[in-house]
Amino acid sequence: MTADEFAQLPDDDHRYELVRGEVRRTPPPRRQRSRIATKIIARLGPWIDERKLGEVYAAVGFLLSQRPDTVRSPDVSFVRAENVPDEDEYPPAPDLAFEVKSPSNTYKELLEKKDDYLAAGTLAVIIVDPTKNSVTVQRPTGVTTVEDTLTLDDILPGWQLPLSDLFA
């Protein structure tokens, strides 16, 4: 299936991704995953808006590769102002993607998503595991485990998210 065909699927209240031309249905987020994604948006969105740095999205599809097409939908994403597309099409890779692990996710699935984002040009993928109260920042150059406060000074200078706030 192509991304254009994928975009024409009827809305049936399920969540889907297109992975190398194959449609994959994912379960809706559970409360904990949704609550954490909401906390990230609540901390990141106003900070981005105040500085007019770009757009923050919840569960928006991004066209990461073509032939075969891959459309992934991170739980939370950030796109710099200069990269926000004008049209209502799938945007290319986000600058920043957050994936919140749910009980139905395997680490293999999360790492596959991370690889797709980074191969498409995403600068960092943040994987949040609520069961372990852990956060890792995945970049093309390596992985960093966050101990106390998530900062991304090369992408969002000055923004901070204390893990105590995220997992409270």
N, C-alpha and C. Protein backbone atom coordinates (compact mmCIF):
# COMPACT_ATOMS: atom_id res chain seq x y z
N MET A 1 0.84 -1.17 0.00
CA MET A 1 0.00 0.00 0.00
C MET A 1 0.89 1.24 0.00
N THR A 2 0.47 2.26 -0.69
CA THR A 2 1.20 3.52 -0.71
C THR A 2 0.69 4.45 0.39
N ALA A 3 1.43 5.50 0.66
CA ALA A 3 1.01 6.48 1.66
C ALA A 3 -0.29 7.16 1.22
N ASP A 4 -0.45 7.42 -0.08
CA ASP A 4 -1.69 8.03 -0.57
C ASP A 4 -2.88 7.11 -0.33
N GLU A 5 -2.72 5.83 -0.58
CA GLU A 5 -3.79 4.87 -0.33
C GLU A 5 -4.07 4.76 1.17
N PHE A 6 -3.01 4.77 1.94
CA PHE A 6 -3.13 4.71 3.40
C PHE A 6 -3.94 5.90 3.92
N ALA A 7 -3.71 7.06 3.37
CA ALA A 7 -4.41 8.28 3.79
C ALA A 7 -5.91 8.20 3.51
N GLN A 8 -6.30 7.36 2.58
CA GLN A 8 -7.71 7.24 2.20
C GLN A 8 -8.48 6.21 3.03
N LEU A 9 -7.79 5.50 3.92
CA LEU A 9 -8.48 4.52 4.75
C LEU A 9 -9.54 5.23 5.59
N PRO A 10 -10.70 4.59 5.78
CA PRO A 10 -11.73 5.23 6.60
C PRO A 10 -11.31 5.29 8.06
N ASP A 11 -11.78 6.31 8.75
CA ASP A 11 -11.49 6.47 10.17
C ASP A 11 -12.40 5.52 10.95
N ASP A 12 -11.82 4.52 11.57
CA ASP A 12 -12.61 3.54 12.31
C ASP A 12 -12.25 3.55 13.80
N ASP A 13 -11.66 4.64 14.26
CA ASP A 13 -11.28 4.82 15.67
C ASP A 13 -10.16 3.90 16.12
N HIS A 14 -9.46 3.29 15.18
CA HIS A 14 -8.28 2.50 15.51
C HIS A 14 -7.07 3.29 15.05
N ARG A 15 -5.93 2.93 15.57
CA ARG A 15 -4.69 3.59 15.21
C ARG A 15 -3.89 2.65 14.32
N TYR A 16 -3.36 3.22 13.22
CA TYR A 16 -2.61 2.42 12.26
C TYR A 16 -1.30 3.10 11.91
N GLU A 17 -0.35 2.30 11.47
CA GLU A 17 0.88 2.81 10.85
C GLU A 17 1.09 2.01 9.58
N LEU A 18 1.80 2.61 8.66
CA LEU A 18 2.15 1.95 7.41
C LEU A 18 3.65 1.68 7.47
N VAL A 19 4.03 0.41 7.44
CA VAL A 19 5.44 0.04 7.60
C VAL A 19 5.87 -0.74 6.37
N ARG A 20 6.69 -0.08 5.56
CA ARG A 20 7.20 -0.67 4.31
C ARG A 20 6.07 -1.28 3.48
N GLY A 21 4.99 -0.47 3.34
CA GLY A 21 3.86 -0.85 2.51
C GLY A 21 2.82 -1.72 3.18
N GLU A 22 3.05 -2.12 4.42
CA GLU A 22 2.14 -3.00 5.14
C GLU A 22 1.42 -2.22 6.25
N VAL A 23 0.09 -2.33 6.29
CA VAL A 23 -0.69 -1.65 7.32
C VAL A 23 -0.61 -2.46 8.62
N ARG A 24 -0.28 -1.73 9.70
CA ARG A 24 -0.22 -2.36 11.02
C ARG A 24 -1.18 -1.62 11.95
N ARG A 25 -2.06 -2.37 12.55
CA ARG A 25 -3.00 -1.80 13.52
C ARG A 25 -2.36 -1.85 14.89
N THR A 26 -2.43 -0.74 15.60
CA THR A 26 -1.90 -0.69 16.95
C THR A 26 -3.04 -0.40 17.91
N PRO A 27 -2.99 -0.96 19.10
CA PRO A 27 -4.08 -0.70 20.05
C PRO A 27 -4.07 0.76 20.48
N PRO A 28 -5.23 1.27 20.87
CA PRO A 28 -5.26 2.65 21.35
C PRO A 28 -4.42 2.77 22.62
N PRO A 29 -3.90 3.95 22.88
CA PRO A 29 -3.08 4.12 24.09
C PRO A 29 -3.88 3.85 25.35
N ARG A 30 -3.22 3.21 26.31
CA ARG A 30 -3.83 3.03 27.62
C ARG A 30 -3.67 4.32 28.41
N ARG A 31 -4.33 4.39 29.54
CA ARG A 31 -4.35 5.63 30.33
C ARG A 31 -2.96 6.12 30.68
N GLN A 32 -2.08 5.24 31.14
CA GLN A 32 -0.75 5.67 31.57
C GLN A 32 0.03 6.25 30.40
N ARG A 33 0.00 5.60 29.26
CA ARG A 33 0.71 6.09 28.07
C ARG A 33 0.14 7.43 27.63
N SER A 34 -1.19 7.53 27.63
CA SER A 34 -1.84 8.79 27.24
C SER A 34 -1.52 9.90 28.23
N ARG A 35 -1.52 9.57 29.51
CA ARG A 35 -1.23 10.58 30.54
C ARG A 35 0.19 11.12 30.39
N ILE A 36 1.15 10.24 30.12
CA ILE A 36 2.54 10.68 29.95
C ILE A 36 2.69 11.52 28.69
N ALA A 37 2.08 11.09 27.59
CA ALA A 37 2.13 11.88 26.35
C ALA A 37 1.51 13.26 26.57
N THR A 38 0.43 13.31 27.32
CA THR A 38 -0.23 14.59 27.61
C THR A 38 0.69 15.49 28.45
N LYS A 39 1.40 14.91 29.40
CA LYS A 39 2.33 15.70 30.21
C LYS A 39 3.46 16.27 29.35
N ILE A 40 3.95 15.48 28.42
CA ILE A 40 5.01 15.97 27.52
C ILE A 40 4.49 17.13 26.70
N ILE A 41 3.31 16.98 26.13
CA ILE A 41 2.71 18.05 25.32
C ILE A 41 2.46 19.29 26.16
N ALA A 42 1.98 19.10 27.39
CA ALA A 42 1.68 20.24 28.27
C ALA A 42 2.94 21.02 28.62
N ARG A 43 4.08 20.35 28.73
CA ARG A 43 5.34 21.04 29.03
C ARG A 43 6.01 21.59 27.78
N LEU A 44 5.92 20.84 26.68
CA LEU A 44 6.62 21.22 25.45
C LEU A 44 5.84 22.23 24.61
N GLY A 45 4.54 22.00 24.45
CA GLY A 45 3.72 22.83 23.56
C GLY A 45 3.77 24.32 23.86
N PRO A 46 3.44 24.73 25.08
CA PRO A 46 3.48 26.17 25.39
C PRO A 46 4.88 26.77 25.25
N TRP A 47 5.90 25.99 25.62
CA TRP A 47 7.28 26.47 25.52
C TRP A 47 7.64 26.73 24.05
N ILE A 48 7.25 25.82 23.17
CA ILE A 48 7.50 25.97 21.73
C ILE A 48 6.69 27.15 21.18
N ASP A 49 5.40 27.22 21.55
CA ASP A 49 4.53 28.29 21.04
C ASP A 49 5.04 29.68 21.46
N GLU A 50 5.45 29.81 22.71
CA GLU A 50 5.93 31.09 23.23
C GLU A 50 7.13 31.60 22.44
N ARG A 51 7.95 30.70 21.98
CA ARG A 51 9.17 31.06 21.26
C ARG A 51 9.01 30.98 19.73
N LYS A 52 7.82 30.56 19.31
CA LYS A 52 7.51 30.42 17.87
C LYS A 52 8.55 29.56 17.15
N LEU A 53 8.86 28.41 17.77
CA LEU A 53 9.91 27.54 17.25
C LEU A 53 9.40 26.50 16.26
N GLY A 54 8.09 26.27 16.24
CA GLY A 54 7.55 25.26 15.34
C GLY A 54 6.23 24.74 15.84
N GLU A 55 6.01 23.44 15.60
CA GLU A 55 4.73 22.80 15.94
C GLU A 55 4.98 21.55 16.78
N VAL A 56 4.10 21.32 17.74
CA VAL A 56 4.09 20.09 18.54
C VAL A 56 2.82 19.34 18.17
N TYR A 57 2.95 18.04 17.95
CA TYR A 57 1.82 17.23 17.53
C TYR A 57 1.64 16.02 18.43
N ALA A 58 0.39 15.57 18.53
CA ALA A 58 0.06 14.31 19.19
C ALA A 58 -0.38 13.33 18.11
N ALA A 59 0.33 12.22 17.99
CA ALA A 59 -0.07 11.10 17.12
C ALA A 59 -0.34 11.52 15.66
N VAL A 60 0.53 12.31 15.08
CA VAL A 60 0.43 12.69 13.66
C VAL A 60 1.30 11.75 12.83
N GLY A 61 0.81 11.36 11.65
CA GLY A 61 1.58 10.50 10.77
C GLY A 61 2.65 11.26 10.01
N PHE A 62 3.84 10.67 9.90
CA PHE A 62 4.96 11.24 9.16
C PHE A 62 5.40 10.24 8.09
N LEU A 63 5.59 10.73 6.88
CA LEU A 63 6.07 9.89 5.79
C LEU A 63 7.58 9.79 5.90
N LEU A 64 8.05 8.64 6.37
CA LEU A 64 9.47 8.47 6.67
C LEU A 64 10.27 7.89 5.50
N SER A 65 9.61 7.11 4.66
CA SER A 65 10.30 6.55 3.49
C SER A 65 9.27 6.19 2.43
N GLN A 66 9.76 6.03 1.22
CA GLN A 66 8.87 5.71 0.10
C GLN A 66 9.43 4.52 -0.69
N ARG A 67 8.50 3.84 -1.33
CA ARG A 67 8.80 2.71 -2.23
C ARG A 67 9.61 1.62 -1.56
N PRO A 68 9.10 0.90 -0.63
CA PRO A 68 7.74 0.95 -0.08
C PRO A 68 7.61 2.07 0.96
N ASP A 69 6.38 2.55 1.10
CA ASP A 69 6.11 3.69 1.98
C ASP A 69 6.03 3.27 3.44
N THR A 70 6.52 4.18 4.29
CA THR A 70 6.41 4.00 5.73
C THR A 70 5.87 5.29 6.33
N VAL A 71 4.75 5.18 7.03
CA VAL A 71 4.14 6.30 7.74
C VAL A 71 4.07 5.91 9.20
N ARG A 72 4.81 6.60 10.02
CA ARG A 72 4.85 6.34 11.46
C ARG A 72 4.19 7.49 12.20
N SER A 73 3.67 7.19 13.39
CA SER A 73 2.94 8.18 14.18
C SER A 73 3.45 8.15 15.62
N PRO A 74 4.43 9.00 15.94
CA PRO A 74 4.91 9.01 17.33
C PRO A 74 3.84 9.55 18.28
N ASP A 75 3.98 9.21 19.54
CA ASP A 75 3.01 9.70 20.53
C ASP A 75 3.03 11.22 20.61
N VAL A 76 4.21 11.80 20.56
CA VAL A 76 4.39 13.25 20.56
C VAL A 76 5.53 13.56 19.61
N SER A 77 5.41 14.65 18.87
CA SER A 77 6.49 15.04 17.96
C SER A 77 6.63 16.55 17.92
N PHE A 78 7.80 16.97 17.50
CA PHE A 78 8.10 18.39 17.32
C PHE A 78 8.70 18.57 15.94
N VAL A 79 8.21 19.60 15.23
CA VAL A 79 8.73 19.96 13.91
C VAL A 79 9.12 21.43 13.97
N ARG A 80 10.38 21.71 13.66
CA ARG A 80 10.86 23.09 13.64
C ARG A 80 10.06 23.91 12.64
N ALA A 81 9.92 25.21 12.91
CA ALA A 81 9.11 26.10 12.08
C ALA A 81 9.51 26.02 10.60
N GLU A 82 10.81 25.96 10.34
CA GLU A 82 11.26 25.93 8.95
C GLU A 82 10.95 24.61 8.25
N ASN A 83 10.56 23.59 9.02
CA ASN A 83 10.25 22.28 8.45
C ASN A 83 8.76 21.97 8.41
N VAL A 84 7.92 22.87 8.94
CA VAL A 84 6.48 22.63 8.95
C VAL A 84 5.96 22.75 7.52
N PRO A 85 5.32 21.70 6.99
CA PRO A 85 4.83 21.76 5.60
C PRO A 85 3.62 22.68 5.48
N ASP A 86 3.45 23.26 4.31
CA ASP A 86 2.32 24.15 4.04
C ASP A 86 1.02 23.39 3.78
N GLU A 87 1.14 22.22 3.19
CA GLU A 87 -0.04 21.49 2.76
C GLU A 87 -0.46 20.46 3.79
N ASP A 88 -1.68 19.95 3.59
CA ASP A 88 -2.20 18.94 4.49
C ASP A 88 -1.83 17.55 3.96
N GLU A 89 -0.53 17.32 3.86
CA GLU A 89 -0.02 16.02 3.45
C GLU A 89 0.79 15.48 4.62
N TYR A 90 1.21 14.24 4.46
CA TYR A 90 2.09 13.71 5.50
C TYR A 90 3.37 14.51 5.48
N PRO A 91 3.74 15.07 6.64
CA PRO A 91 5.03 15.77 6.68
C PRO A 91 6.17 14.75 6.67
N PRO A 92 7.36 15.23 6.29
CA PRO A 92 8.52 14.34 6.39
C PRO A 92 8.85 14.13 7.87
N ALA A 93 9.95 13.52 8.15
CA ALA A 93 10.32 13.16 9.52
C ALA A 93 10.25 14.33 10.48
N PRO A 94 9.78 14.07 11.72
CA PRO A 94 9.80 15.13 12.72
C PRO A 94 11.24 15.38 13.15
N ASP A 95 11.49 16.55 13.70
CA ASP A 95 12.81 16.83 14.25
C ASP A 95 13.02 16.06 15.55
N LEU A 96 11.93 15.83 16.26
CA LEU A 96 11.98 15.16 17.55
C LEU A 96 10.76 14.26 17.67
N ALA A 97 10.95 13.01 18.09
CA ALA A 97 9.84 12.07 18.26
C ALA A 97 9.90 11.46 19.65
N PHE A 98 8.74 11.39 20.29
CA PHE A 98 8.61 10.74 21.59
C PHE A 98 7.77 9.49 21.41
N GLU A 99 8.28 8.36 21.87
CA GLU A 99 7.53 7.11 21.89
C GLU A 99 7.40 6.67 23.34
N VAL A 100 6.15 6.52 23.80
CA VAL A 100 5.88 6.06 25.15
C VAL A 100 5.54 4.59 25.07
N LYS A 101 6.34 3.76 25.73
CA LYS A 101 6.14 2.32 25.68
C LYS A 101 4.86 1.94 26.39
N SER A 102 4.07 1.11 25.72
CA SER A 102 2.87 0.57 26.34
C SER A 102 3.08 -0.92 26.57
N PRO A 103 2.22 -1.55 27.36
CA PRO A 103 2.39 -2.99 27.61
C PRO A 103 2.36 -3.83 26.32
N SER A 104 1.71 -3.34 25.29
CA SER A 104 1.63 -4.11 24.04
C SER A 104 2.86 -3.91 23.14
N ASN A 105 3.71 -2.94 23.47
CA ASN A 105 4.93 -2.71 22.69
C ASN A 105 6.05 -3.64 23.15
N THR A 106 6.82 -4.12 22.19
CA THR A 106 8.07 -4.79 22.54
C THR A 106 9.20 -3.80 22.30
N TYR A 107 10.34 -4.05 22.93
CA TYR A 107 11.48 -3.18 22.67
C TYR A 107 11.93 -3.30 21.22
N LYS A 108 11.77 -4.47 20.65
CA LYS A 108 12.13 -4.65 19.24
C LYS A 108 11.30 -3.71 18.36
N GLU A 109 10.00 -3.59 18.64
CA GLU A 109 9.14 -2.68 17.87
C GLU A 109 9.58 -1.23 18.06
N LEU A 110 9.87 -0.85 19.30
CA LEU A 110 10.29 0.53 19.56
C LEU A 110 11.61 0.84 18.86
N LEU A 111 12.54 -0.11 18.87
CA LEU A 111 13.82 0.12 18.20
C LEU A 111 13.66 0.17 16.69
N GLU A 112 12.72 -0.59 16.14
CA GLU A 112 12.43 -0.51 14.71
C GLU A 112 11.88 0.87 14.36
N LYS A 113 10.97 1.38 15.19
CA LYS A 113 10.44 2.73 14.97
C LYS A 113 11.57 3.76 15.06
N LYS A 114 12.39 3.63 16.09
CA LYS A 114 13.51 4.54 16.29
C LYS A 114 14.41 4.54 15.06
N ASP A 115 14.71 3.37 14.53
CA ASP A 115 15.55 3.27 13.33
C ASP A 115 14.90 3.96 12.14
N ASP A 116 13.59 3.79 11.98
CA ASP A 116 12.87 4.44 10.87
C ASP A 116 12.94 5.96 10.99
N TYR A 117 12.70 6.48 12.21
CA TYR A 117 12.76 7.93 12.42
C TYR A 117 14.16 8.47 12.12
N LEU A 118 15.17 7.85 12.70
CA LEU A 118 16.54 8.35 12.53
C LEU A 118 17.00 8.25 11.08
N ALA A 119 16.64 7.18 10.38
CA ALA A 119 17.01 7.03 8.97
C ALA A 119 16.36 8.11 8.11
N ALA A 120 15.20 8.61 8.56
CA ALA A 120 14.48 9.64 7.80
C ALA A 120 14.95 11.06 8.14
N GLY A 121 15.82 11.19 9.15
CA GLY A 121 16.35 12.51 9.48
C GLY A 121 15.94 13.08 10.81
N THR A 122 15.18 12.34 11.61
CA THR A 122 14.82 12.80 12.94
C THR A 122 16.11 12.96 13.75
N LEU A 123 16.20 14.06 14.48
CA LEU A 123 17.42 14.36 15.23
C LEU A 123 17.54 13.54 16.51
N ALA A 124 16.41 13.26 17.15
CA ALA A 124 16.42 12.46 18.37
C ALA A 124 15.07 11.81 18.57
N VAL A 125 15.12 10.58 19.09
CA VAL A 125 13.92 9.84 19.45
C VAL A 125 14.00 9.57 20.95
N ILE A 126 12.98 10.02 21.67
CA ILE A 126 12.96 9.84 23.11
C ILE A 126 12.02 8.68 23.40
N ILE A 127 12.56 7.64 24.03
CA ILE A 127 11.75 6.49 24.40
C ILE A 127 11.50 6.54 25.90
N VAL A 128 10.22 6.58 26.25
CA VAL A 128 9.79 6.67 27.64
C VAL A 128 9.18 5.32 28.02
N ASP A 129 9.70 4.73 29.09
CA ASP A 129 9.18 3.47 29.59
C ASP A 129 8.58 3.70 30.97
N PRO A 130 7.25 3.83 31.06
CA PRO A 130 6.62 4.11 32.34
C PRO A 130 6.75 2.99 33.36
N THR A 131 6.90 1.75 32.91
CA THR A 131 7.01 0.65 33.87
C THR A 131 8.35 0.67 34.59
N LYS A 132 9.36 1.25 33.95
CA LYS A 132 10.68 1.35 34.56
C LYS A 132 11.03 2.78 34.98
N ASN A 133 10.10 3.71 34.76
CA ASN A 133 10.36 5.13 35.01
C ASN A 133 11.68 5.54 34.37
N SER A 134 11.87 5.13 33.11
CA SER A 134 13.13 5.44 32.42
C SER A 134 12.88 6.18 31.12
N VAL A 135 13.87 6.97 30.76
CA VAL A 135 13.84 7.73 29.52
C VAL A 135 15.21 7.60 28.87
N THR A 136 15.21 7.27 27.59
CA THR A 136 16.46 7.25 26.83
C THR A 136 16.32 8.16 25.62
N VAL A 137 17.39 8.81 25.28
CA VAL A 137 17.46 9.65 24.09
C VAL A 137 18.28 8.89 23.06
N GLN A 138 17.64 8.56 21.95
CA GLN A 138 18.27 7.80 20.88
C GLN A 138 18.62 8.78 19.76
N ARG A 139 19.87 8.78 19.37
CA ARG A 139 20.35 9.66 18.30
C ARG A 139 21.16 8.83 17.31
N PRO A 140 21.43 9.39 16.14
CA PRO A 140 22.29 8.66 15.20
C PRO A 140 23.67 8.36 15.80
N THR A 141 24.10 9.19 16.74
CA THR A 141 25.43 9.03 17.33
C THR A 141 25.46 8.13 18.56
N GLY A 142 24.28 7.72 19.07
CA GLY A 142 24.26 6.84 20.23
C GLY A 142 23.08 7.07 21.12
N VAL A 143 23.12 6.42 22.27
CA VAL A 143 22.01 6.43 23.22
C VAL A 143 22.46 7.05 24.53
N THR A 144 21.60 7.88 25.11
CA THR A 144 21.86 8.48 26.41
C THR A 144 20.69 8.15 27.32
N THR A 145 20.99 7.69 28.52
CA THR A 145 19.95 7.45 29.52
C THR A 145 19.82 8.71 30.36
N VAL A 146 18.58 9.16 30.53
CA VAL A 146 18.32 10.37 31.30
C VAL A 146 18.17 9.97 32.76
N GLU A 147 18.88 10.67 33.63
CA GLU A 147 18.84 10.35 35.06
C GLU A 147 17.78 11.15 35.81
N ASP A 148 17.77 12.48 35.67
CA ASP A 148 16.87 13.32 36.45
C ASP A 148 15.99 14.23 35.61
N THR A 149 16.60 14.90 34.62
CA THR A 149 15.89 15.90 33.83
C THR A 149 16.22 15.72 32.36
N LEU A 150 15.17 15.65 31.54
CA LEU A 150 15.36 15.56 30.10
C LEU A 150 15.66 16.94 29.55
N THR A 151 16.79 17.08 28.90
CA THR A 151 17.15 18.30 28.20
C THR A 151 17.63 17.92 26.80
N LEU A 152 17.39 18.80 25.85
CA LEU A 152 17.79 18.58 24.46
C LEU A 152 18.34 19.89 23.92
N ASP A 153 19.43 20.35 24.52
CA ASP A 153 19.94 21.69 24.24
C ASP A 153 20.29 21.93 22.79
N ASP A 154 20.66 20.91 22.04
CA ASP A 154 20.99 21.12 20.63
C ASP A 154 19.74 21.31 19.78
N ILE A 155 18.59 20.84 20.25
CA ILE A 155 17.33 20.96 19.50
C ILE A 155 16.43 22.02 20.13
N LEU A 156 16.34 22.01 21.47
CA LEU A 156 15.46 22.90 22.22
C LEU A 156 16.25 23.55 23.36
N PRO A 157 17.14 24.50 23.05
CA PRO A 157 17.99 25.10 24.09
C PRO A 157 17.14 25.71 25.21
N GLY A 158 17.41 25.25 26.42
CA GLY A 158 16.73 25.82 27.59
C GLY A 158 15.51 25.04 28.05
N TRP A 159 14.96 24.16 27.22
CA TRP A 159 13.79 23.37 27.63
C TRP A 159 14.22 22.25 28.56
N GLN A 160 13.40 22.01 29.59
CA GLN A 160 13.69 20.95 30.54
C GLN A 160 12.41 20.24 30.95
N LEU A 161 12.54 18.94 31.18
CA LEU A 161 11.42 18.15 31.68
C LEU A 161 11.94 17.24 32.79
N PRO A 162 11.70 17.62 34.07
CA PRO A 162 12.13 16.75 35.17
C PRO A 162 11.36 15.43 35.13
N LEU A 163 12.09 14.32 35.26
CA LEU A 163 11.43 13.02 35.21
C LEU A 163 10.47 12.84 36.39
N SER A 164 10.74 13.52 37.49
CA SER A 164 9.81 13.44 38.63
C SER A 164 8.43 14.00 38.24
N ASP A 165 8.38 15.00 37.38
CA ASP A 165 7.11 15.55 36.89
C ASP A 165 6.46 14.58 35.91
N LEU A 166 7.27 13.96 35.08
CA LEU A 166 6.75 13.06 34.04
C LEU A 166 6.12 11.81 34.65
N PHE A 167 6.76 11.25 35.67
CA PHE A 167 6.29 9.99 36.23
C PHE A 167 5.48 10.16 37.51
N ALA A 168 5.18 11.39 37.89
CA ALA A 168 4.39 11.64 39.12
C ALA A 168 2.97 11.13 38.97
